[in-house]
Amino acid sequence: VSFDITSTYDCGVMSSDVMYVNVLNEMIAPIISDNINGDPICYDFSPGNLSISTVATGGSESFTYEWGVYEDEWNDGLFVGEEYPIGNLESTQLYHCIAIDDLCGSITSNDLTIDVLPELQDPIIFNEFDTESICYNTNPGTIIETQPATGGDNNFDIQWYSASEDGTPSPVGQNVI
């Protein structure tokens, strides 16, 4: 864009120098993604790195990227770079990336949620002879599950095991409860 001023007066015409203003392109926010394709992760596991799949554009085209996580409010500036290494998580987290342009300010990416599955809880089994000895060739009774396994996606495959005297487990039974 250029500007000049012309003024007409009884004594003649005056004109200013031409002024040029360079208008930079509109800033477009970056797009962030994870390397787990949006799948949930197990409790106390890491999703790996978050990354910028489409860089920010516009402005002066000179961007610095800062990452933030939502914990009751946005906590930004946790990490600077085009990738954000995430440690092990114990709860679902929400992330974003702020692209900071040297001249034009900042623009924020999409929000990205990393879903964390509930912590695994062992099942509890019971037998009336639990911690007792029984005689050889005696029926130990029924082993029952008093509390099922929970956590993860709550889909479990069941496998019963019997341990030998040396503690070595071997699979037994019909794999049902």
Protein backbone atom coordinates (compact mmCIF):
# COMPACT_ATOMS: atom_id res chain seq x y z
CA VAL A 1 0.00 0.00 0.00
CA SER A 2 1.34 3.47 -0.77
CA PHE A 3 0.20 6.93 0.25
CA ASP A 4 0.99 10.45 -0.90
CA ILE A 5 -0.60 13.76 -0.11
CA THR A 6 -1.25 16.42 -2.72
CA SER A 7 -2.27 19.92 -1.73
CA THR A 8 -3.39 22.57 -4.16
CA TYR A 9 -2.95 26.19 -3.17
CA ASP A 10 -3.11 29.43 -5.05
CA CYS A 11 0.65 29.38 -5.36
CA GLY A 12 0.96 25.84 -6.81
CA VAL A 13 0.71 22.15 -6.04
CA MET A 14 2.67 20.45 -3.30
CA SER A 15 3.08 16.66 -2.92
CA SER A 16 4.57 14.60 -0.11
CA ASP A 17 7.01 11.80 -0.62
CA VAL A 18 5.32 8.50 -1.36
CA MET A 19 5.04 6.29 1.73
CA TYR A 20 4.90 2.50 1.32
CA VAL A 21 3.37 0.23 3.97
CA ASN A 22 3.95 -3.51 3.65
CA VAL A 23 0.87 -5.38 4.91
CA LEU A 24 1.84 -8.87 6.07
CA ASN A 25 -0.37 -11.87 5.46
CA GLU A 26 -3.00 -12.90 7.98
CA MET A 27 -1.65 -15.33 10.57
CA ILE A 28 -2.96 -18.90 10.34
CA ALA A 29 -2.75 -21.05 13.50
CA PRO A 30 -0.65 -24.21 13.63
CA ILE A 31 -2.31 -27.62 13.85
CA ILE A 32 -1.00 -30.03 16.47
CA SER A 33 -1.30 -33.82 16.63
CA ASP A 34 -0.14 -36.81 18.62
CA ASN A 35 1.56 -39.99 17.46
CA ILE A 36 -1.16 -42.24 18.94
CA ASN A 37 -3.89 -41.27 16.44
CA GLY A 38 -6.19 -39.97 19.17
CA ASP A 39 -6.36 -43.35 20.93
CA PRO A 40 -6.46 -43.40 24.73
CA ILE A 41 -3.36 -44.44 26.65
CA CYS A 42 -3.02 -46.61 29.73
CA TYR A 43 -2.68 -45.06 33.18
CA ASP A 44 0.92 -43.98 33.96
CA PHE A 45 2.02 -44.36 30.32
CA SER A 46 3.40 -41.69 27.98
CA PRO A 47 1.77 -40.77 24.66
CA GLY A 48 5.19 -39.80 23.32
CA ASN A 49 5.66 -36.42 21.63
CA LEU A 50 3.03 -33.95 20.57
CA SER A 51 4.04 -32.26 17.34
CA ILE A 52 3.06 -29.57 14.90
CA SER A 53 1.55 -31.26 11.86
CA THR A 54 0.91 -27.94 10.05
CA VAL A 55 3.11 -24.96 10.93
CA ALA A 56 1.76 -21.47 11.51
CA THR A 57 1.92 -19.12 8.55
CA GLY A 58 1.49 -15.41 7.89
CA GLY A 59 2.80 -12.42 9.79
CA SER A 60 6.56 -12.11 9.47
CA GLU A 61 6.80 -15.91 9.02
CA SER A 62 9.19 -16.07 11.99
CA PHE A 63 7.54 -18.13 14.73
CA THR A 64 8.51 -19.49 18.11
CA TYR A 65 6.28 -22.28 19.44
CA GLU A 66 5.32 -22.57 23.11
CA TRP A 67 3.25 -25.43 24.51
CA GLY A 68 0.61 -25.29 27.19
CA VAL A 69 -1.53 -27.67 29.24
CA TYR A 70 -4.90 -27.00 30.82
CA GLU A 71 -4.98 -27.52 34.61
CA ASP A 72 -8.01 -25.50 35.82
CA GLU A 73 -6.57 -22.75 33.59
CA TRP A 74 -4.09 -22.66 30.73
CA ASN A 75 -0.49 -23.04 31.87
CA ASP A 76 1.48 -21.85 28.84
CA GLY A 77 5.19 -21.72 28.09
CA LEU A 78 5.91 -25.18 29.54
CA PHE A 79 8.08 -26.13 26.61
CA VAL A 80 9.48 -24.29 23.58
CA GLY A 81 9.95 -26.10 20.28
CA GLU A 82 8.11 -27.81 17.45
CA GLU A 83 7.63 -31.00 19.50
CA TYR A 84 6.56 -31.44 23.10
CA PRO A 85 7.73 -34.61 24.89
CA ILE A 86 5.00 -35.77 27.28
CA GLY A 87 5.89 -37.85 30.33
CA ASN A 88 3.71 -40.50 31.92
CA LEU A 89 0.16 -39.34 32.57
CA GLU A 90 -2.27 -40.30 35.34
CA SER A 91 -5.25 -38.31 34.06
CA THR A 92 -6.69 -36.98 30.82
CA GLN A 93 -4.89 -33.81 29.69
CA LEU A 94 -5.68 -30.99 27.25
CA TYR A 95 -2.84 -29.34 25.30
CA HIS A 96 -2.35 -26.52 22.81
CA CYS A 97 0.52 -24.72 21.12
CA ILE A 98 0.98 -20.97 20.79
CA ALA A 99 2.78 -19.69 17.70
CA ILE A 100 4.48 -16.38 18.56
CA ASP A 101 5.39 -14.14 15.62
CA ASP A 102 8.21 -11.64 16.15
CA LEU A 103 6.14 -8.76 14.72
CA CYS A 104 2.46 -9.68 14.77
CA GLY A 105 1.85 -11.33 18.15
CA SER A 106 0.54 -14.82 18.73
CA ILE A 107 -2.04 -17.28 17.50
CA THR A 108 -3.15 -20.49 19.22
CA SER A 109 -3.46 -23.97 17.70
CA ASN A 110 -6.30 -26.44 18.04
CA ASP A 111 -6.75 -28.05 21.46
CA LEU A 112 -5.64 -31.68 21.69
CA THR A 113 -6.93 -34.08 24.35
CA ILE A 114 -4.92 -37.09 25.50
CA ASP A 115 -7.36 -39.51 27.14
CA VAL A 116 -5.95 -41.65 29.96
CA LEU A 117 -7.72 -44.87 30.86
CA PRO A 118 -8.40 -45.64 34.55
CA GLU A 119 -5.67 -47.35 36.57
CA LEU A 120 -5.79 -51.15 36.57
CA GLN A 121 -7.05 -52.73 39.79
CA ASP A 122 -6.38 -56.40 40.50
CA PRO A 123 -9.32 -58.73 40.95
CA ILE A 124 -9.84 -60.26 44.39
CA ILE A 125 -10.43 -64.00 44.66
CA PHE A 126 -11.57 -66.02 47.67
CA ASN A 127 -11.56 -69.63 48.77
CA GLU A 128 -12.64 -70.99 52.13
CA PHE A 129 -9.23 -72.69 52.44
CA ASP A 130 -7.26 -69.57 51.53
CA THR A 131 -3.87 -69.65 53.30
CA GLU A 132 -4.66 -73.08 54.78
CA SER A 133 -3.41 -76.52 53.87
CA ILE A 134 -5.63 -79.28 52.53
CA CYS A 135 -4.96 -82.99 52.28
CA TYR A 136 -3.77 -84.65 49.10
CA ASN A 137 -6.56 -85.49 46.66
CA THR A 138 -9.06 -83.31 48.57
CA ASN A 139 -11.38 -80.92 46.77
CA PRO A 140 -10.34 -77.34 47.64
CA GLY A 141 -13.84 -76.04 46.99
CA THR A 142 -14.78 -73.25 44.64
CA ILE A 143 -12.56 -70.28 44.09
CA ILE A 144 -14.72 -67.23 43.58
CA GLU A 145 -14.02 -63.73 42.40
CA THR A 146 -15.27 -61.28 45.04
CA GLN A 147 -14.18 -58.18 43.15
CA PRO A 148 -13.57 -58.11 39.41
CA ALA A 149 -10.58 -56.49 37.76
CA THR A 150 -11.23 -52.88 36.80
CA GLY A 151 -9.51 -50.12 34.90
CA GLY A 152 -8.20 -49.74 31.40
CA ASP A 153 -11.06 -50.22 28.97
CA ASN A 154 -12.64 -52.81 31.34
CA ASN A 155 -12.31 -55.59 28.75
CA PHE A 156 -10.29 -58.41 30.24
CA ASP A 157 -9.28 -61.89 29.12
CA ILE A 158 -9.31 -64.32 32.05
CA GLN A 159 -6.65 -66.98 32.56
CA TRP A 160 -6.45 -69.05 35.74
CA TYR A 161 -3.06 -70.30 36.91
CA SER A 162 -1.86 -72.90 39.35
CA ALA A 163 1.56 -72.50 40.93
CA SER A 164 3.84 -75.45 41.60
CA GLU A 165 5.86 -75.81 44.81
CA ASP A 166 8.70 -73.81 43.29
CA GLY A 167 6.26 -71.00 42.42
CA THR A 168 6.20 -71.59 38.66
CA PRO A 169 2.71 -70.73 37.32
CA SER A 170 0.97 -72.88 34.71
CA PRO A 171 -2.39 -72.14 33.06
CA VAL A 172 -5.41 -74.21 34.18
CA GLY A 173 -9.17 -74.25 33.78
CA GLN A 174 -11.65 -72.94 31.25
CA ASN A 175 -10.57 -69.28 31.56
CA VAL A 176 -13.93 -68.18 32.87
CA ILE A 177 -15.09 -66.84 36.18
